[in-house]
Amino acid sequence: MVVCDLRDNTFYATIHLRTGDRQLPVDARPSDAIALALRPQSPIFVEDAVIEGAQTAENDKESTDVGRLRKWLEGLTEEELGKYKM
Protein backbone atom coordinates (compact mmCIF):
# COMPACT_ATOMS: atom_id res chain seq x y z
CA MET A 1 0.00 0.00 0.00
CA VAL A 2 1.36 3.39 -0.96
CA VAL A 3 0.06 6.85 -0.13
CA CYS A 4 1.09 8.15 -3.52
CA ASP A 5 -0.25 11.65 -3.99
CA LEU A 6 -1.50 14.79 -2.25
CA ARG A 7 -3.57 17.14 -4.41
CA ASP A 8 -5.80 19.97 -3.23
CA ASN A 9 -5.35 18.84 0.39
CA THR A 10 -6.60 15.33 -0.48
CA PHE A 11 -4.48 12.20 -0.06
CA TYR A 12 -4.53 9.40 -2.64
CA ALA A 13 -3.39 5.81 -2.17
CA THR A 14 -2.76 2.70 -4.23
CA ILE A 15 -3.09 -0.86 -3.01
CA HIS A 16 -0.80 -3.29 -4.82
CA LEU A 17 -2.43 -6.72 -5.06
CA ARG A 18 -0.38 -9.73 -6.11
CA THR A 19 -1.90 -12.81 -7.71
CA GLY A 20 0.64 -15.37 -8.80
CA ASP A 21 3.01 -13.54 -11.13
CA ARG A 22 0.61 -10.63 -11.68
CA GLN A 23 0.58 -7.39 -9.73
CA LEU A 24 -2.57 -5.27 -9.87
CA PRO A 25 -2.54 -1.66 -8.61
CA VAL A 26 -5.91 -0.50 -7.24
CA ASP A 27 -6.75 3.12 -6.36
CA ALA A 28 -8.20 3.49 -2.87
CA ARG A 29 -8.92 6.02 -0.16
CA PRO A 30 -5.93 6.13 2.20
CA SER A 31 -8.07 5.25 5.22
CA ASP A 32 -9.38 2.11 3.50
CA ALA A 33 -5.94 1.19 2.16
CA ILE A 34 -4.36 1.54 5.62
CA ALA A 35 -7.10 -0.58 7.20
CA LEU A 36 -6.62 -3.30 4.58
CA ALA A 37 -2.83 -3.22 4.85
CA LEU A 38 -2.87 -3.57 8.64
CA ARG A 39 -4.86 -6.81 8.65
CA PRO A 40 -2.19 -8.99 6.95
CA GLN A 41 0.59 -6.76 8.34
CA SER A 42 1.51 -5.52 4.86
CA PRO A 43 3.97 -2.63 4.60
CA ILE A 44 2.64 0.91 4.28
CA PHE A 45 4.68 3.37 2.25
CA VAL A 46 4.36 7.11 1.63
CA GLU A 47 5.96 8.84 -1.34
CA ASP A 48 8.55 11.49 -0.37
CA ALA A 49 6.64 14.16 -2.32
CA VAL A 50 3.52 13.43 -0.24
CA ILE A 51 5.43 13.85 3.02
CA GLU A 52 6.95 17.11 1.79
CA GLY A 53 3.57 18.35 0.59
CA ALA A 54 1.92 17.43 3.89
CA GLN A 55 4.63 19.25 5.85
CA THR A 56 4.12 22.35 3.72
CA ALA A 57 0.37 22.19 4.15
CA GLU A 58 0.70 21.68 7.91
CA ASN A 59 3.13 24.57 8.21
CA ASP A 60 0.69 26.82 6.34
CA LYS A 61 -2.16 25.76 8.66
CA GLU A 62 -4.42 25.64 5.60
CA SER A 63 -4.82 21.88 5.39
CA THR A 64 -7.78 20.38 7.14
CA ASP A 65 -7.25 16.97 5.49
CA VAL A 66 -3.82 16.54 7.07
CA GLY A 67 -5.27 17.40 10.46
CA ARG A 68 -8.25 15.08 10.00
CA LEU A 69 -5.99 12.19 8.89
CA ARG A 70 -3.69 12.77 11.86
CA LYS A 71 -6.67 12.93 14.26
CA TRP A 72 -8.13 9.73 12.75
CA LEU A 73 -4.80 7.87 13.03
CA GLU A 74 -4.27 9.05 16.61
CA GLY A 75 -7.78 7.92 17.53
CA LEU A 76 -7.33 4.33 16.33
CA THR A 77 -7.41 1.70 19.04
CA GLU A 78 -4.80 -1.01 19.40
CA GLU A 79 -7.38 -3.49 18.14
CA GLU A 80 -7.96 -1.42 14.99
CA LEU A 81 -4.24 -1.03 14.36
CA GLY A 82 -3.39 -4.65 15.00
CA LYS A 83 -0.11 -5.68 16.52
CA TYR A 84 2.89 -4.91 14.36
CA LYS A 85 6.42 -3.69 14.82
CA MET A 86 7.96 -0.75 13.05
C-alpha atoms as a PDB file:
ATOM      1  CA  MET A   1       0.000   0.000   0.000  1.00  0.00           C
ATOM      2  CA  VAL A   2       1.361   3.390  -0.960  1.00  0.00           C
ATOM      3  CA  VAL A   3       0.062   6.851  -0.132  1.00  0.00           C
ATOM      4  CA  CYS A   4       1.095   8.149  -3.518  1.00  0.00           C
ATOM      5  CA  ASP A   5      -0.250  11.655  -3.992  1.00  0.00           C
ATOM      6  CA  LEU A   6      -1.502  14.790  -2.253  1.00  0.00           C
ATOM      7  CA  ARG A   7      -3.573  17.143  -4.409  1.00  0.00           C
ATOM      8  CA  ASP A   8      -5.804  19.972  -3.230  1.00  0.00           C
ATOM      9  CA  ASN A   9      -5.350  18.838   0.385  1.00  0.00           C
ATOM     10  CA  THR A  10      -6.595  15.332  -0.478  1.00  0.00           C
ATOM     11  CA  PHE A  11      -4.475  12.198  -0.056  1.00  0.00           C
ATOM     12  CA  TYR A  12      -4.534   9.399  -2.641  1.00  0.00           C
ATOM     13  CA  ALA A  13      -3.391   5.812  -2.173  1.00  0.00           C
ATOM     14  CA  THR A  14      -2.759   2.703  -4.230  1.00  0.00           C
ATOM     15  CA  ILE A  15      -3.094  -0.864  -3.011  1.00  0.00           C
ATOM     16  CA  HIS A  16      -0.802  -3.292  -4.821  1.00  0.00           C
ATOM     17  CA  LEU A  17      -2.426  -6.721  -5.058  1.00  0.00           C
ATOM     18  CA  ARG A  18      -0.383  -9.726  -6.107  1.00  0.00           C
ATOM     19  CA  THR A  19      -1.900 -12.813  -7.712  1.00  0.00           C
ATOM     20  CA  GLY A  20       0.641 -15.367  -8.799  1.00  0.00           C
ATOM     21  CA  ASP A  21       3.015 -13.538 -11.133  1.00  0.00           C
ATOM     22  CA  ARG A  22       0.614 -10.627 -11.682  1.00  0.00           C
ATOM     23  CA  GLN A  23       0.578  -7.390  -9.726  1.00  0.00           C
ATOM     24  CA  LEU A  24      -2.566  -5.271  -9.868  1.00  0.00           C
ATOM     25  CA  PRO A  25      -2.545  -1.660  -8.610  1.00  0.00           C
ATOM     26  CA  VAL A  26      -5.913  -0.496  -7.238  1.00  0.00           C
ATOM     27  CA  ASP A  27      -6.748   3.117  -6.363  1.00  0.00           C
ATOM     28  CA  ALA A  28      -8.196   3.494  -2.865  1.00  0.00           C
ATOM     29  CA  ARG A  29      -8.917   6.024  -0.156  1.00  0.00           C
ATOM     30  CA  PRO A  30      -5.928   6.128   2.199  1.00  0.00           C
ATOM     31  CA  SER A  31      -8.068   5.254   5.222  1.00  0.00           C
ATOM     32  CA  ASP A  32      -9.376   2.114   3.495  1.00  0.00           C
ATOM     33  CA  ALA A  33      -5.940   1.186   2.160  1.00  0.00           C
ATOM     34  CA  ILE A  34      -4.363   1.539   5.622  1.00  0.00           C
ATOM     35  CA  ALA A  35      -7.100  -0.579   7.200  1.00  0.00           C
ATOM     36  CA  LEU A  36      -6.625  -3.303   4.583  1.00  0.00           C
ATOM     37  CA  ALA A  37      -2.829  -3.218   4.847  1.00  0.00           C
ATOM     38  CA  LEU A  38      -2.866  -3.573   8.635  1.00  0.00           C
ATOM     39  CA  ARG A  39      -4.856  -6.808   8.649  1.00  0.00           C
ATOM     40  CA  PRO A  40      -2.192  -8.992   6.948  1.00  0.00           C
ATOM     41  CA  GLN A  41       0.590  -6.764   8.336  1.00  0.00           C
ATOM     42  CA  SER A  42       1.509  -5.519   4.862  1.00  0.00           C
ATOM     43  CA  PRO A  43       3.971  -2.635   4.596  1.00  0.00           C
ATOM     44  CA  ILE A  44       2.639   0.910   4.281  1.00  0.00           C
ATOM     45  CA  PHE A  45       4.682   3.373   2.248  1.00  0.00           C
ATOM     46  CA  VAL A  46       4.362   7.113   1.630  1.00  0.00           C
ATOM     47  CA  GLU A  47       5.961   8.844  -1.336  1.00  0.00           C
ATOM     48  CA  ASP A  48       8.551  11.490  -0.368  1.00  0.00           C
ATOM     49  CA  ALA A  49       6.635  14.155  -2.315  1.00  0.00           C
ATOM     50  CA  VAL A  50       3.516  13.432  -0.242  1.00  0.00           C
ATOM     51  CA  ILE A  51       5.433  13.853   3.019  1.00  0.00           C
ATOM     52  CA  GLU A  52       6.953  17.115   1.791  1.00  0.00           C
ATOM     53  CA  GLY A  53       3.568  18.353   0.587  1.00  0.00           C
ATOM     54  CA  ALA A  54       1.920  17.432   3.889  1.00  0.00           C
ATOM     55  CA  GLN A  55       4.629  19.245   5.848  1.00  0.00           C
ATOM     56  CA  THR A  56       4.124  22.353   3.720  1.00  0.00           C
ATOM     57  CA  ALA A  57       0.368  22.192   4.152  1.00  0.00           C
ATOM     58  CA  GLU A  58       0.702  21.676   7.910  1.00  0.00           C
ATOM     59  CA  ASN A  59       3.130  24.570   8.213  1.00  0.00           C
ATOM     60  CA  ASP A  60       0.690  26.823   6.341  1.00  0.00           C
ATOM     61  CA  LYS A  61      -2.164  25.757   8.660  1.00  0.00           C
ATOM     62  CA  GLU A  62      -4.422  25.640   5.598  1.00  0.00           C
ATOM     63  CA  SER A  63      -4.817  21.877   5.388  1.00  0.00           C
ATOM     64  CA  THR A  64      -7.784  20.376   7.143  1.00  0.00           C
ATOM     65  CA  ASP A  65      -7.252  16.970   5.486  1.00  0.00           C
ATOM     66  CA  VAL A  66      -3.824  16.544   7.067  1.00  0.00           C
ATOM     67  CA  GLY A  67      -5.266  17.401  10.462  1.00  0.00           C
ATOM     68  CA  ARG A  68      -8.246  15.084   9.995  1.00  0.00           C
ATOM     69  CA  LEU A  69      -5.994  12.189   8.892  1.00  0.00           C
ATOM     70  CA  ARG A  70      -3.689  12.768  11.864  1.00  0.00           C
ATOM     71  CA  LYS A  71      -6.668  12.926  14.256  1.00  0.00           C
ATOM     72  CA  TRP A  72      -8.129   9.727  12.755  1.00  0.00           C
ATOM     73  CA  LEU A  73      -4.803   7.871  13.028  1.00  0.00           C
ATOM     74  CA  GLU A  74      -4.269   9.047  16.612  1.00  0.00           C
ATOM     75  CA  GLY A  75      -7.779   7.922  17.535  1.00  0.00           C
ATOM     76  CA  LEU A  76      -7.329   4.335  16.328  1.00  0.00           C
ATOM     77  CA  THR A  77      -7.415   1.701  19.043  1.00  0.00           C
ATOM     78  CA  GLU A  78      -4.795  -1.012  19.396  1.00  0.00           C
ATOM     79  CA  GLU A  79      -7.378  -3.486  18.135  1.00  0.00           C
ATOM     80  CA  GLU A  80      -7.959  -1.418  14.990  1.00  0.00           C
ATOM     81  CA  LEU A  81      -4.242  -1.029  14.360  1.00  0.00           C
ATOM     82  CA  GLY A  82      -3.386  -4.654  15.001  1.00  0.00           C
ATOM     83  CA  LYS A  83      -0.110  -5.678  16.516  1.00  0.00           C
ATOM     84  CA  TYR A  84       2.894  -4.914  14.360  1.00  0.00           C
ATOM     85  CA  LYS A  85       6.418  -3.688  14.816  1.00  0.00           C
ATOM     86  CA  MET A  86       7.961  -0.751  13.048  1.00  0.00           C
END
